[in-house]
Amino acid sequence: MNRVDPRAWLADVLARIADHPVHRLDELLPWNWRRPARVGSRGLTRHVNKVSHVKTVDRVARELGEYIDLLHEVALDMDVEDGVIWV
């Protein structure tokens, strides 16, 4: 009805909804939804992650119930190409 591929819409909405601002949820409705930009010859979809909160490793360890040293080791063992740790 809205000329939207239901699988593409659902996959995109499920991938983005946790970080999407509540006051803009109407953007994710099928009649307002826009397909994300395509990248590369394989048609891979690129999602731009928006940082909504930045937390210290200590705080994340407390929230996850993990040892601080473990999270420090994970972060220190990462290469620049690995990016960031999303929690």
N, C-alpha and C. Protein backbone atom coordinates (compact mmCIF):
# COMPACT_ATOMS: atom_id res chain seq x y z
N MET A 1 0.81 -1.19 0.00
CA MET A 1 0.00 0.00 0.00
C MET A 1 0.87 1.27 0.00
N ASN A 2 1.99 1.21 0.72
CA ASN A 2 2.88 2.38 0.81
C ASN A 2 4.09 2.26 -0.10
N ARG A 3 4.06 1.27 -0.99
CA ARG A 3 5.18 1.01 -1.91
C ARG A 3 6.49 0.82 -1.14
N VAL A 4 6.42 0.03 -0.07
CA VAL A 4 7.57 -0.26 0.78
C VAL A 4 7.75 -1.77 0.82
N ASP A 5 9.00 -2.22 0.67
CA ASP A 5 9.31 -3.64 0.83
C ASP A 5 9.19 -3.95 2.32
N PRO A 6 8.22 -4.78 2.73
CA PRO A 6 8.00 -5.02 4.16
C PRO A 6 9.22 -5.59 4.88
N ARG A 7 9.96 -6.47 4.22
CA ARG A 7 11.14 -7.05 4.87
C ARG A 7 12.22 -6.00 5.07
N ALA A 8 12.47 -5.17 4.07
CA ALA A 8 13.48 -4.12 4.20
C ALA A 8 13.07 -3.12 5.29
N TRP A 9 11.79 -2.77 5.30
CA TRP A 9 11.29 -1.82 6.30
C TRP A 9 11.45 -2.38 7.70
N LEU A 10 11.01 -3.64 7.91
CA LEU A 10 11.07 -4.24 9.24
C LEU A 10 12.51 -4.40 9.70
N ALA A 11 13.38 -4.87 8.83
CA ALA A 11 14.79 -5.05 9.20
C ALA A 11 15.42 -3.72 9.59
N ASP A 12 15.15 -2.67 8.82
CA ASP A 12 15.71 -1.36 9.11
C ASP A 12 15.16 -0.80 10.41
N VAL A 13 13.87 -0.90 10.60
CA VAL A 13 13.25 -0.36 11.82
C VAL A 13 13.76 -1.10 13.05
N LEU A 14 13.88 -2.42 12.99
CA LEU A 14 14.37 -3.18 14.13
C LEU A 14 15.83 -2.83 14.44
N ALA A 15 16.60 -2.54 13.40
CA ALA A 15 18.01 -2.18 13.61
C ALA A 15 18.16 -0.78 14.21
N ARG A 16 17.23 0.12 13.91
CA ARG A 16 17.38 1.53 14.33
C ARG A 16 16.55 1.94 15.53
N ILE A 17 15.51 1.21 15.86
CA ILE A 17 14.52 1.73 16.81
C ILE A 17 15.08 1.97 18.21
N ALA A 18 16.03 1.17 18.67
CA ALA A 18 16.56 1.34 20.02
C ALA A 18 17.25 2.68 20.20
N ASP A 19 17.87 3.19 19.14
CA ASP A 19 18.60 4.45 19.24
C ASP A 19 17.85 5.63 18.63
N HIS A 20 16.67 5.36 18.13
CA HIS A 20 15.91 6.42 17.46
C HIS A 20 15.21 7.30 18.50
N PRO A 21 15.27 8.61 18.35
CA PRO A 21 14.61 9.50 19.32
C PRO A 21 13.10 9.25 19.37
N VAL A 22 12.58 9.21 20.57
CA VAL A 22 11.15 8.92 20.77
C VAL A 22 10.27 9.94 20.07
N HIS A 23 10.67 11.19 20.10
CA HIS A 23 9.83 12.24 19.49
C HIS A 23 9.83 12.18 17.97
N ARG A 24 10.64 11.26 17.37
CA ARG A 24 10.68 11.13 15.92
C ARG A 24 10.30 9.73 15.45
N LEU A 25 9.58 8.98 16.30
CA LEU A 25 9.18 7.62 15.91
C LEU A 25 8.31 7.60 14.67
N ASP A 26 7.59 8.66 14.41
CA ASP A 26 6.74 8.70 13.22
C ASP A 26 7.55 8.55 11.93
N GLU A 27 8.86 8.85 11.96
CA GLU A 27 9.71 8.68 10.78
C GLU A 27 9.85 7.21 10.39
N LEU A 28 9.62 6.31 11.35
CA LEU A 28 9.80 4.89 11.09
C LEU A 28 8.51 4.20 10.64
N LEU A 29 7.42 4.92 10.62
CA LEU A 29 6.16 4.33 10.14
C LEU A 29 6.27 4.08 8.64
N PRO A 30 5.64 3.04 8.15
CA PRO A 30 5.80 2.67 6.73
C PRO A 30 5.53 3.82 5.76
N TRP A 31 4.56 4.66 6.03
CA TRP A 31 4.22 5.73 5.09
C TRP A 31 5.20 6.90 5.16
N ASN A 32 6.06 6.96 6.18
CA ASN A 32 7.08 8.00 6.29
C ASN A 32 8.49 7.48 6.07
N TRP A 33 8.66 6.16 6.07
CA TRP A 33 9.98 5.53 6.04
C TRP A 33 10.68 5.75 4.72
N ARG A 34 11.98 6.00 4.80
CA ARG A 34 12.81 6.13 3.60
C ARG A 34 13.89 5.07 3.66
N ARG A 35 14.10 4.39 2.54
CA ARG A 35 15.13 3.36 2.47
C ARG A 35 16.48 4.00 2.74
N PRO A 36 17.34 3.35 3.58
CA PRO A 36 18.68 3.89 3.84
C PRO A 36 19.51 3.93 2.56
N ALA A 37 20.53 4.78 2.57
CA ALA A 37 21.42 4.90 1.40
C ALA A 37 22.12 3.59 1.14
N ARG A 38 22.27 3.25 -0.12
CA ARG A 38 22.97 2.02 -0.51
C ARG A 38 24.45 2.34 -0.72
N VAL A 39 25.30 1.38 -0.40
CA VAL A 39 26.73 1.57 -0.53
C VAL A 39 27.31 0.38 -1.28
N GLY A 40 28.20 0.65 -2.23
CA GLY A 40 28.93 -0.42 -2.90
C GLY A 40 28.12 -1.14 -3.95
N SER A 41 28.82 -1.99 -4.70
CA SER A 41 28.17 -2.71 -5.80
C SER A 41 27.32 -3.86 -5.31
N ARG A 42 27.54 -4.32 -4.10
CA ARG A 42 26.77 -5.44 -3.57
C ARG A 42 25.45 -4.99 -2.96
N GLY A 43 25.22 -3.71 -2.92
CA GLY A 43 23.97 -3.21 -2.36
C GLY A 43 23.91 -3.29 -0.84
N LEU A 44 25.06 -3.23 -0.19
CA LEU A 44 25.07 -3.27 1.26
C LEU A 44 24.46 -2.00 1.82
N THR A 45 23.70 -2.12 2.87
CA THR A 45 23.07 -0.97 3.49
C THR A 45 23.98 -0.41 4.57
N ARG A 46 24.15 0.89 4.57
CA ARG A 46 24.97 1.55 5.57
C ARG A 46 24.06 2.21 6.59
N HIS A 47 24.25 1.87 7.85
CA HIS A 47 23.50 2.51 8.93
C HIS A 47 24.44 3.45 9.66
N VAL A 48 23.99 4.65 9.85
CA VAL A 48 24.79 5.61 10.59
C VAL A 48 24.33 5.54 12.04
N ASN A 49 25.24 5.12 12.90
CA ASN A 49 24.91 5.01 14.31
C ASN A 49 25.09 6.36 14.98
N LYS A 50 24.10 6.77 15.69
CA LYS A 50 24.16 8.04 16.38
C LYS A 50 24.41 7.76 17.86
N VAL A 51 25.41 8.41 18.40
CA VAL A 51 25.74 8.22 19.80
C VAL A 51 24.74 9.02 20.63
N SER A 52 24.04 8.31 21.53
CA SER A 52 23.08 9.01 22.37
C SER A 52 23.62 9.20 23.79
N HIS A 53 24.55 8.34 24.19
CA HIS A 53 25.15 8.44 25.52
C HIS A 53 26.59 7.96 25.43
N VAL A 54 27.47 8.61 26.17
CA VAL A 54 28.85 8.17 26.30
C VAL A 54 29.06 7.86 27.77
N LYS A 55 29.56 6.65 28.03
CA LYS A 55 29.77 6.23 29.42
C LYS A 55 31.20 5.77 29.61
N THR A 56 31.67 5.84 30.85
CA THR A 56 33.01 5.34 31.16
C THR A 56 32.98 3.82 31.20
N VAL A 57 34.15 3.22 31.06
CA VAL A 57 34.26 1.77 31.13
C VAL A 57 33.82 1.29 32.52
N ASP A 58 34.16 2.05 33.55
CA ASP A 58 33.77 1.68 34.91
C ASP A 58 32.25 1.59 35.06
N ARG A 59 31.56 2.57 34.51
CA ARG A 59 30.10 2.58 34.63
C ARG A 59 29.47 1.44 33.83
N VAL A 60 29.98 1.20 32.62
CA VAL A 60 29.46 0.10 31.81
C VAL A 60 29.68 -1.22 32.52
N ALA A 61 30.85 -1.41 33.14
CA ALA A 61 31.13 -2.64 33.88
C ALA A 61 30.12 -2.83 35.01
N ARG A 62 29.82 -1.77 35.73
CA ARG A 62 28.82 -1.87 36.80
C ARG A 62 27.46 -2.25 36.24
N GLU A 63 27.05 -1.59 35.14
CA GLU A 63 25.74 -1.85 34.56
C GLU A 63 25.62 -3.27 34.01
N LEU A 64 26.72 -3.81 33.47
CA LEU A 64 26.70 -5.15 32.90
C LEU A 64 27.01 -6.23 33.93
N GLY A 65 27.48 -5.80 35.10
CA GLY A 65 27.86 -6.78 36.12
C GLY A 65 29.14 -7.51 35.76
N GLU A 66 30.03 -6.84 35.03
CA GLU A 66 31.30 -7.42 34.61
C GLU A 66 32.44 -6.78 35.39
N TYR A 67 33.59 -7.43 35.33
CA TYR A 67 34.78 -6.88 35.95
C TYR A 67 35.34 -5.75 35.09
N ILE A 68 35.75 -4.68 35.75
CA ILE A 68 36.29 -3.52 35.05
C ILE A 68 37.52 -3.92 34.25
N ASP A 69 38.37 -4.75 34.85
CA ASP A 69 39.61 -5.17 34.18
C ASP A 69 39.32 -5.89 32.87
N LEU A 70 38.26 -6.69 32.84
CA LEU A 70 37.90 -7.41 31.61
C LEU A 70 37.56 -6.43 30.50
N LEU A 71 36.75 -5.42 30.80
CA LEU A 71 36.38 -4.44 29.79
C LEU A 71 37.57 -3.59 29.36
N HIS A 72 38.47 -3.27 30.30
CA HIS A 72 39.68 -2.54 29.93
C HIS A 72 40.53 -3.37 28.97
N GLU A 73 40.65 -4.68 29.24
CA GLU A 73 41.42 -5.56 28.36
C GLU A 73 40.82 -5.61 26.96
N VAL A 74 39.49 -5.72 26.89
CA VAL A 74 38.82 -5.75 25.59
C VAL A 74 39.10 -4.46 24.83
N ALA A 75 39.00 -3.33 25.51
CA ALA A 75 39.23 -2.05 24.85
C ALA A 75 40.68 -1.88 24.44
N LEU A 76 41.60 -2.30 25.27
CA LEU A 76 43.02 -2.15 24.96
C LEU A 76 43.47 -3.07 23.83
N ASP A 77 42.83 -4.23 23.71
CA ASP A 77 43.20 -5.18 22.66
C ASP A 77 42.61 -4.82 21.30
N MET A 78 41.74 -3.83 21.25
CA MET A 78 41.11 -3.43 19.99
C MET A 78 42.08 -2.63 19.13
N ASP A 79 41.98 -2.82 17.83
CA ASP A 79 42.71 -1.99 16.88
C ASP A 79 41.82 -0.81 16.51
N VAL A 80 42.42 0.23 15.97
CA VAL A 80 41.66 1.41 15.55
C VAL A 80 40.57 1.00 14.55
N GLU A 81 40.89 0.03 13.69
CA GLU A 81 39.94 -0.41 12.67
C GLU A 81 38.71 -1.09 13.28
N ASP A 82 38.82 -1.56 14.53
CA ASP A 82 37.70 -2.24 15.18
C ASP A 82 36.57 -1.29 15.52
N GLY A 83 36.86 -0.03 15.62
CA GLY A 83 35.82 0.95 15.90
C GLY A 83 35.59 1.16 17.37
N VAL A 84 34.34 1.11 17.76
CA VAL A 84 33.97 1.37 19.15
C VAL A 84 33.21 0.19 19.71
N ILE A 85 33.06 0.18 21.01
CA ILE A 85 32.26 -0.86 21.67
C ILE A 85 30.88 -0.27 21.89
N TRP A 86 29.88 -0.92 21.30
CA TRP A 86 28.49 -0.47 21.47
C TRP A 86 27.87 -1.28 22.59
N VAL A 87 27.30 -0.61 23.56
CA VAL A 87 26.64 -1.28 24.68
C VAL A 87 25.19 -0.89 24.69
